[in-house]
Amino acid sequence: MLEASKSYKATSVLVNEHDQIIQELVVMEDQVEKLKKDATRRTELILNIILLYMGFQTGFLSYLTFIEYSWDVMEPITYFITYSANIYGFMYYMMHKKEYNNENLNEYHFLNSLQKYTNNSDLDLKKYIQLKNRLEYLKNICPNLKN
């Protein structure tokens, strides 16, 4: 009987801790979602600026090729622009150890923006991560805990 009482008390302590962590996380989750939304908006802005630049570059090179000059003049220029883009892609790979593609570029800008917004907010990121890890631990040791 004494053993069952200890087990009940231990489970009760875990349930109380679980509920307390959930209450703290609910408040923090709103801040995290706002930060993610702001970071997504900033990432989309950066990627749209890149798209605008690429469109301008294409239009400008087309103008120079077909109206001002000829392909004979513009071919070396377009070659060096293309080669510079390849150098930039290799530089990105060397810095981030990831292939230079749209998904990785999007992820990089999102994480960079999220970190910038998190540093400027009053969210305690270390505490948030600790609470999430502790909640996961509690769910692993006592799977009957409710969400």
N, C-alpha and C. Protein backbone atom coordinates (compact mmCIF):
# COMPACT_ATOMS: atom_id res chain seq x y z
N MET A 1 0.81 -1.19 0.00
CA MET A 1 0.00 0.00 0.00
C MET A 1 0.86 1.26 0.00
N LEU A 2 1.96 1.20 0.74
CA LEU A 2 2.87 2.33 0.82
C LEU A 2 3.50 2.61 -0.54
N GLU A 3 3.81 1.55 -1.26
CA GLU A 3 4.42 1.69 -2.58
C GLU A 3 3.45 2.34 -3.56
N ALA A 4 2.20 1.99 -3.50
CA ALA A 4 1.18 2.59 -4.38
C ALA A 4 1.01 4.06 -4.06
N SER A 5 1.11 4.41 -2.79
CA SER A 5 1.00 5.81 -2.39
C SER A 5 2.16 6.63 -2.94
N LYS A 6 3.37 6.07 -2.89
CA LYS A 6 4.54 6.76 -3.45
C LYS A 6 4.39 6.94 -4.96
N SER A 7 3.91 5.91 -5.60
CA SER A 7 3.71 5.98 -7.05
C SER A 7 2.68 7.04 -7.41
N TYR A 8 1.61 7.11 -6.63
CA TYR A 8 0.57 8.11 -6.88
C TYR A 8 1.12 9.52 -6.68
N LYS A 9 1.92 9.71 -5.61
CA LYS A 9 2.51 11.02 -5.36
C LYS A 9 3.47 11.42 -6.47
N ALA A 10 4.27 10.47 -6.93
CA ALA A 10 5.22 10.76 -8.01
C ALA A 10 4.47 11.13 -9.29
N THR A 11 3.40 10.40 -9.58
CA THR A 11 2.60 10.72 -10.76
C THR A 11 1.93 12.07 -10.61
N SER A 12 1.47 12.36 -9.41
CA SER A 12 0.83 13.65 -9.14
C SER A 12 1.81 14.80 -9.34
N VAL A 13 3.04 14.61 -8.88
CA VAL A 13 4.08 15.64 -9.07
C VAL A 13 4.35 15.84 -10.56
N LEU A 14 4.43 14.75 -11.30
CA LEU A 14 4.68 14.85 -12.75
C LEU A 14 3.52 15.55 -13.46
N VAL A 15 2.30 15.24 -13.06
CA VAL A 15 1.14 15.88 -13.68
C VAL A 15 1.13 17.37 -13.37
N ASN A 16 1.44 17.74 -12.13
CA ASN A 16 1.49 19.16 -11.77
C ASN A 16 2.58 19.89 -12.56
N GLU A 17 3.73 19.26 -12.66
CA GLU A 17 4.82 19.87 -13.43
C GLU A 17 4.43 20.01 -14.90
N HIS A 18 3.80 18.98 -15.43
CA HIS A 18 3.33 19.00 -16.83
C HIS A 18 2.36 20.16 -17.05
N ASP A 19 1.39 20.31 -16.15
CA ASP A 19 0.40 21.38 -16.29
C ASP A 19 1.05 22.76 -16.18
N GLN A 20 2.01 22.89 -15.28
CA GLN A 20 2.70 24.17 -15.13
C GLN A 20 3.50 24.52 -16.39
N ILE A 21 4.18 23.54 -16.95
CA ILE A 21 4.94 23.76 -18.18
C ILE A 21 4.01 24.14 -19.32
N ILE A 22 2.88 23.47 -19.42
CA ILE A 22 1.91 23.78 -20.48
C ILE A 22 1.43 25.22 -20.34
N GLN A 23 1.14 25.66 -19.12
CA GLN A 23 0.68 27.04 -18.91
C GLN A 23 1.74 28.05 -19.33
N GLU A 24 2.99 27.78 -19.00
CA GLU A 24 4.06 28.70 -19.40
C GLU A 24 4.26 28.70 -20.91
N LEU A 25 4.15 27.53 -21.52
CA LEU A 25 4.37 27.43 -22.96
C LEU A 25 3.25 28.10 -23.76
N VAL A 26 2.03 28.07 -23.25
CA VAL A 26 0.92 28.70 -23.97
C VAL A 26 1.20 30.19 -24.16
N VAL A 27 1.71 30.83 -23.13
CA VAL A 27 2.04 32.25 -23.22
C VAL A 27 3.17 32.48 -24.22
N MET A 28 4.18 31.62 -24.16
CA MET A 28 5.35 31.79 -25.03
C MET A 28 5.03 31.44 -26.48
N GLU A 29 4.13 30.50 -26.70
CA GLU A 29 3.80 30.07 -28.07
C GLU A 29 3.25 31.22 -28.90
N ASP A 30 2.46 32.10 -28.28
CA ASP A 30 1.93 33.25 -29.02
C ASP A 30 3.07 34.14 -29.52
N GLN A 31 4.06 34.36 -28.66
CA GLN A 31 5.21 35.17 -29.06
C GLN A 31 5.99 34.48 -30.18
N VAL A 32 6.19 33.17 -30.04
CA VAL A 32 6.95 32.42 -31.04
C VAL A 32 6.24 32.46 -32.39
N GLU A 33 4.93 32.29 -32.39
CA GLU A 33 4.17 32.33 -33.65
C GLU A 33 4.26 33.70 -34.30
N LYS A 34 4.20 34.76 -33.49
CA LYS A 34 4.33 36.11 -34.05
C LYS A 34 5.71 36.31 -34.66
N LEU A 35 6.74 35.83 -33.96
CA LEU A 35 8.10 35.96 -34.47
C LEU A 35 8.28 35.17 -35.77
N LYS A 36 7.69 33.96 -35.83
CA LYS A 36 7.78 33.16 -37.05
C LYS A 36 7.05 33.85 -38.20
N LYS A 37 5.92 34.45 -37.90
CA LYS A 37 5.15 35.15 -38.94
C LYS A 37 5.95 36.35 -39.47
N ASP A 38 6.57 37.11 -38.56
CA ASP A 38 7.39 38.25 -38.98
C ASP A 38 8.60 37.79 -39.79
N ALA A 39 9.22 36.70 -39.36
CA ALA A 39 10.39 36.18 -40.08
C ALA A 39 9.99 35.68 -41.46
N THR A 40 8.83 35.05 -41.57
CA THR A 40 8.34 34.59 -42.87
C THR A 40 8.08 35.77 -43.79
N ARG A 41 7.46 36.81 -43.25
CA ARG A 41 7.19 38.00 -44.05
C ARG A 41 8.49 38.64 -44.55
N ARG A 42 9.49 38.73 -43.68
CA ARG A 42 10.77 39.32 -44.08
C ARG A 42 11.48 38.45 -45.11
N THR A 43 11.42 37.14 -44.94
CA THR A 43 12.03 36.21 -45.89
C THR A 43 11.39 36.36 -47.26
N GLU A 44 10.06 36.44 -47.29
CA GLU A 44 9.37 36.61 -48.57
C GLU A 44 9.75 37.94 -49.23
N LEU A 45 9.93 38.99 -48.43
CA LEU A 45 10.35 40.27 -48.97
C LEU A 45 11.74 40.17 -49.59
N ILE A 46 12.66 39.53 -48.90
CA ILE A 46 14.02 39.37 -49.42
C ILE A 46 14.02 38.57 -50.72
N LEU A 47 13.27 37.47 -50.74
CA LEU A 47 13.22 36.64 -51.95
C LEU A 47 12.54 37.37 -53.10
N ASN A 48 11.55 38.20 -52.81
CA ASN A 48 10.92 38.99 -53.86
C ASN A 48 11.86 40.06 -54.41
N ILE A 49 12.69 40.62 -53.55
CA ILE A 49 13.69 41.59 -54.01
C ILE A 49 14.70 40.89 -54.92
N ILE A 50 15.11 39.69 -54.56
CA ILE A 50 16.03 38.92 -55.40
C ILE A 50 15.38 38.64 -56.75
N LEU A 51 14.11 38.25 -56.74
CA LEU A 51 13.38 38.00 -57.99
C LEU A 51 13.29 39.26 -58.84
N LEU A 52 13.01 40.39 -58.21
CA LEU A 52 12.95 41.66 -58.93
C LEU A 52 14.30 42.00 -59.56
N TYR A 53 15.37 41.78 -58.82
CA TYR A 53 16.71 42.03 -59.35
C TYR A 53 17.00 41.14 -60.56
N MET A 54 16.63 39.86 -60.45
CA MET A 54 16.88 38.94 -61.56
C MET A 54 16.07 39.34 -62.79
N GLY A 55 14.84 39.77 -62.59
CA GLY A 55 14.03 40.23 -63.72
C GLY A 55 14.60 41.48 -64.34
N PHE A 56 15.06 42.43 -63.51
CA PHE A 56 15.69 43.64 -64.03
C PHE A 56 16.95 43.30 -64.81
N GLN A 57 17.76 42.41 -64.28
CA GLN A 57 19.00 42.02 -64.95
C GLN A 57 18.70 41.39 -66.31
N THR A 58 17.71 40.52 -66.37
CA THR A 58 17.34 39.89 -67.64
C THR A 58 16.85 40.92 -68.64
N GLY A 59 16.00 41.82 -68.19
CA GLY A 59 15.50 42.87 -69.08
C GLY A 59 16.60 43.78 -69.57
N PHE A 60 17.49 44.16 -68.67
CA PHE A 60 18.58 45.06 -69.04
C PHE A 60 19.53 44.40 -70.03
N LEU A 61 19.88 43.14 -69.78
CA LEU A 61 20.76 42.43 -70.71
C LEU A 61 20.08 42.22 -72.06
N SER A 62 18.78 41.96 -72.05
CA SER A 62 18.05 41.82 -73.32
C SER A 62 18.05 43.14 -74.08
N TYR A 63 17.84 44.23 -73.37
CA TYR A 63 17.86 45.55 -74.00
C TYR A 63 19.22 45.81 -74.64
N LEU A 64 20.28 45.54 -73.88
CA LEU A 64 21.62 45.79 -74.42
C LEU A 64 21.93 44.86 -75.59
N THR A 65 21.47 43.62 -75.52
CA THR A 65 21.76 42.65 -76.58
C THR A 65 21.01 42.96 -77.86
N PHE A 66 19.74 43.25 -77.78
CA PHE A 66 18.92 43.36 -78.98
C PHE A 66 18.70 44.79 -79.47
N ILE A 67 18.95 45.79 -78.64
CA ILE A 67 18.68 47.17 -79.06
C ILE A 67 19.96 47.98 -79.17
N GLU A 68 20.76 48.04 -78.12
CA GLU A 68 21.94 48.89 -78.12
C GLU A 68 23.13 48.25 -78.85
N TYR A 69 23.45 47.04 -78.45
CA TYR A 69 24.62 46.38 -79.01
C TYR A 69 24.18 45.10 -79.71
N SER A 70 25.11 44.25 -80.00
CA SER A 70 24.76 42.97 -80.61
C SER A 70 25.24 41.84 -79.69
N TRP A 71 24.91 40.63 -80.08
CA TRP A 71 25.31 39.48 -79.29
C TRP A 71 26.82 39.35 -79.24
N ASP A 72 27.51 39.76 -80.27
CA ASP A 72 28.97 39.67 -80.28
C ASP A 72 29.59 40.49 -79.15
N VAL A 73 28.99 41.62 -78.85
CA VAL A 73 29.50 42.47 -77.77
C VAL A 73 29.05 41.94 -76.41
N MET A 74 27.81 41.47 -76.34
CA MET A 74 27.22 41.10 -75.06
C MET A 74 27.58 39.69 -74.59
N GLU A 75 28.03 38.84 -75.48
CA GLU A 75 28.32 37.46 -75.10
C GLU A 75 29.35 37.38 -73.97
N PRO A 76 30.49 38.07 -74.07
CA PRO A 76 31.45 37.98 -72.95
C PRO A 76 30.89 38.56 -71.64
N ILE A 77 30.07 39.59 -71.75
CA ILE A 77 29.49 40.20 -70.55
C ILE A 77 28.55 39.21 -69.86
N THR A 78 27.68 38.57 -70.64
CA THR A 78 26.76 37.59 -70.05
C THR A 78 27.52 36.38 -69.50
N TYR A 79 28.63 36.03 -70.16
CA TYR A 79 29.45 34.92 -69.66
C TYR A 79 29.97 35.25 -68.27
N PHE A 80 30.51 36.45 -68.09
CA PHE A 80 31.08 36.80 -66.79
C PHE A 80 30.00 36.98 -65.73
N ILE A 81 28.84 37.43 -66.11
CA ILE A 81 27.74 37.52 -65.15
C ILE A 81 27.34 36.12 -64.69
N THR A 82 27.23 35.18 -65.63
CA THR A 82 26.89 33.80 -65.29
C THR A 82 27.98 33.17 -64.44
N TYR A 83 29.23 33.41 -64.79
CA TYR A 83 30.35 32.86 -64.04
C TYR A 83 30.37 33.43 -62.62
N SER A 84 30.06 34.71 -62.48
CA SER A 84 29.99 35.33 -61.15
C SER A 84 28.89 34.70 -60.31
N ALA A 85 27.77 34.36 -60.93
CA ALA A 85 26.69 33.70 -60.19
C ALA A 85 27.14 32.32 -59.71
N ASN A 86 27.92 31.62 -60.53
CA ASN A 86 28.44 30.32 -60.11
C ASN A 86 29.43 30.46 -58.95
N ILE A 87 30.25 31.50 -59.00
CA ILE A 87 31.18 31.76 -57.90
C ILE A 87 30.40 32.05 -56.62
N TYR A 88 29.32 32.83 -56.75
CA TYR A 88 28.49 33.13 -55.58
C TYR A 88 27.89 31.84 -55.01
N GLY A 89 27.42 30.95 -55.87
CA GLY A 89 26.86 29.68 -55.42
C GLY A 89 27.90 28.84 -54.69
N PHE A 90 29.12 28.81 -55.20
CA PHE A 90 30.19 28.06 -54.54
C PHE A 90 30.55 28.70 -53.21
N MET A 91 30.58 30.03 -53.17
CA MET A 91 30.87 30.75 -51.94
C MET A 91 29.79 30.44 -50.88
N TYR A 92 28.53 30.40 -51.31
CA TYR A 92 27.44 30.05 -50.39
C TYR A 92 27.66 28.65 -49.83
N TYR A 93 28.05 27.72 -50.69
CA TYR A 93 28.30 26.35 -50.24
C TYR A 93 29.45 26.31 -49.23
N MET A 94 30.51 27.05 -49.49
CA MET A 94 31.66 27.04 -48.59
C MET A 94 31.30 27.64 -47.22
N MET A 95 30.43 28.65 -47.22
CA MET A 95 30.07 29.30 -45.96
C MET A 95 29.05 28.49 -45.16
N HIS A 96 28.08 27.87 -45.83
CA HIS A 96 26.96 27.24 -45.13
C HIS A 96 26.96 25.71 -45.21
N LYS A 97 27.84 25.15 -46.00
CA LYS A 97 27.92 23.69 -46.19
C LYS A 97 26.59 23.11 -46.66
N LYS A 98 25.88 23.88 -47.45
CA LYS A 98 24.63 23.44 -48.06
C LYS A 98 24.64 23.86 -49.52
N GLU A 99 23.95 23.07 -50.33
CA GLU A 99 23.86 23.39 -51.74
C GLU A 99 23.09 24.70 -51.92
N TYR A 100 23.52 25.49 -52.90
CA TYR A 100 22.86 26.76 -53.18
C TYR A 100 21.63 26.48 -54.04
N ASN A 101 20.48 26.35 -53.38
CA ASN A 101 19.22 26.19 -54.10
C ASN A 101 18.14 27.00 -53.38
N ASN A 102 16.96 27.02 -53.95
CA ASN A 102 15.89 27.87 -53.42
C ASN A 102 15.48 27.48 -52.00
N GLU A 103 15.37 26.20 -51.73
CA GLU A 103 14.94 25.76 -50.40
C GLU A 103 15.95 26.16 -49.33
N ASN A 104 17.23 25.94 -49.61
CA ASN A 104 18.25 26.28 -48.62
C ASN A 104 18.37 27.79 -48.45
N LEU A 105 18.21 28.54 -49.53
CA LEU A 105 18.26 30.00 -49.44
C LEU A 105 17.08 30.51 -48.62
N ASN A 106 15.91 29.94 -48.84
CA ASN A 106 14.73 30.31 -48.06
C ASN A 106 14.92 29.98 -46.59
N GLU A 107 15.43 28.80 -46.30
CA GLU A 107 15.66 28.38 -44.92
C GLU A 107 16.69 29.29 -44.24
N TYR A 108 17.75 29.63 -44.97
CA TYR A 108 18.79 30.49 -44.41
C TYR A 108 18.22 31.86 -44.03
N HIS A 109 17.49 32.47 -44.95
CA HIS A 109 16.93 33.79 -44.67
C HIS A 109 15.88 33.74 -43.56
N PHE A 110 15.09 32.66 -43.53
CA PHE A 110 14.08 32.53 -42.47
C PHE A 110 14.75 32.42 -41.10
N LEU A 111 15.73 31.54 -40.98
CA LEU A 111 16.40 31.35 -39.69
C LEU A 111 17.16 32.61 -39.26
N ASN A 112 17.77 33.28 -40.23
CA ASN A 112 18.48 34.51 -39.94
C ASN A 112 17.51 35.58 -39.43
N SER A 113 16.37 35.72 -40.11
CA SER A 113 15.36 36.69 -39.69
C SER A 113 14.77 36.33 -38.34
N LEU A 114 14.50 35.05 -38.13
CA LEU A 114 13.93 34.60 -36.86
C LEU A 114 14.89 34.89 -35.71
N GLN A 115 16.17 34.65 -35.93
CA GLN A 115 17.15 34.94 -34.89
C GLN A 115 17.21 36.44 -34.60
N LYS A 116 17.17 37.24 -35.65
CA LYS A 116 17.21 38.69 -35.48
C LYS A 116 15.99 39.18 -34.69
N TYR A 117 14.80 38.68 -35.04
CA TYR A 117 13.59 39.08 -34.33
C TYR A 117 13.57 38.55 -32.90
N THR A 118 14.10 37.36 -32.69
CA THR A 118 14.14 36.79 -31.35
C THR A 118 15.07 37.59 -30.45
N ASN A 119 16.20 38.02 -30.99
CA ASN A 119 17.14 38.82 -30.20
C ASN A 119 16.54 40.16 -29.81
N ASN A 120 15.65 40.70 -30.65
CA ASN A 120 15.05 42.00 -30.37
C ASN A 120 13.77 41.90 -29.55
N SER A 121 13.32 40.70 -29.24
CA SER A 121 12.08 40.53 -28.47
C SER A 121 12.40 40.22 -27.02
N ASP A 122 11.36 40.16 -26.21
CA ASP A 122 11.55 39.84 -24.80
C ASP A 122 11.36 38.35 -24.52
N LEU A 123 11.33 37.54 -25.55
CA LEU A 123 11.18 36.10 -25.40
C LEU A 123 12.49 35.50 -24.89
N ASP A 124 12.39 34.72 -23.83
CA ASP A 124 13.55 34.01 -23.29
C ASP A 124 13.65 32.67 -24.03
N LEU A 125 14.45 32.65 -25.08
CA LEU A 125 14.53 31.49 -25.96
C LEU A 125 15.11 30.27 -25.24
N LYS A 126 16.10 30.49 -24.37
CA LYS A 126 16.68 29.36 -23.63
C LYS A 126 15.64 28.69 -22.74
N LYS A 127 14.85 29.51 -22.07
CA LYS A 127 13.80 28.97 -21.20
C LYS A 127 12.75 28.24 -22.04
N TYR A 128 12.40 28.80 -23.18
CA TYR A 128 11.41 28.17 -24.07
C TYR A 128 11.89 26.79 -24.52
N ILE A 129 13.15 26.71 -24.92
CA ILE A 129 13.71 25.43 -25.37
C ILE A 129 13.78 24.44 -24.21
N GLN A 130 14.18 24.91 -23.03
CA GLN A 130 14.23 24.03 -21.86
C GLN A 130 12.84 23.49 -21.52
N LEU A 131 11.83 24.35 -21.58
CA LEU A 131 10.47 23.91 -21.28
C LEU A 131 9.99 22.88 -22.30
N LYS A 132 10.29 23.12 -23.58
CA LYS A 132 9.89 22.17 -24.62
C LYS A 132 10.58 20.82 -24.41
N ASN A 133 11.87 20.86 -24.09
CA ASN A 133 12.61 19.61 -23.85
C ASN A 133 12.09 18.89 -22.60
N ARG A 134 11.79 19.64 -21.56
CA ARG A 134 11.27 19.03 -20.33
C ARG A 134 9.89 18.42 -20.58
N LEU A 135 9.06 19.10 -21.35
CA LEU A 135 7.74 18.57 -21.68
C LEU A 135 7.86 17.27 -22.48
N GLU A 136 8.78 17.24 -23.41
CA GLU A 136 9.01 16.02 -24.20
C GLU A 136 9.50 14.89 -23.29
N TYR A 137 10.38 15.21 -22.36
CA TYR A 137 10.88 14.22 -21.42
C TYR A 137 9.74 13.66 -20.56
N LEU A 138 8.89 14.55 -20.06
CA LEU A 138 7.76 14.10 -19.24
C LEU A 138 6.81 13.20 -20.03
N LYS A 139 6.60 13.52 -21.28
CA LYS A 139 5.73 12.69 -22.12
C LYS A 139 6.36 11.33 -22.38
N ASN A 140 7.68 11.28 -22.45
CA ASN A 140 8.36 10.00 -22.68
C ASN A 140 8.33 9.09 -21.45
N ILE A 141 8.51 9.68 -20.27
CA ILE A 141 8.54 8.84 -19.07
C ILE A 141 7.14 8.51 -18.56
N CYS A 142 6.17 9.33 -18.92
CA CYS A 142 4.79 9.08 -18.48
C CYS A 142 3.87 9.32 -19.67
N PRO A 143 3.71 8.33 -20.53
CA PRO A 143 2.95 8.52 -21.77
C PRO A 143 1.46 8.81 -21.55
N ASN A 144 0.95 8.62 -20.34
CA ASN A 144 -0.47 8.85 -20.09
C ASN A 144 -0.80 10.32 -19.86
N LEU A 145 0.22 11.19 -19.83
CA LEU A 145 -0.05 12.61 -19.64
C LEU A 145 -0.81 13.16 -20.84
N LYS A 146 -1.75 14.04 -20.54
CA LYS A 146 -2.53 14.63 -21.63
C LYS A 146 -1.74 15.76 -22.26
N ASN A 147 -2.12 16.14 -23.46
CA ASN A 147 -1.40 17.22 -24.16
C ASN A 147 -1.80 18.56 -23.65
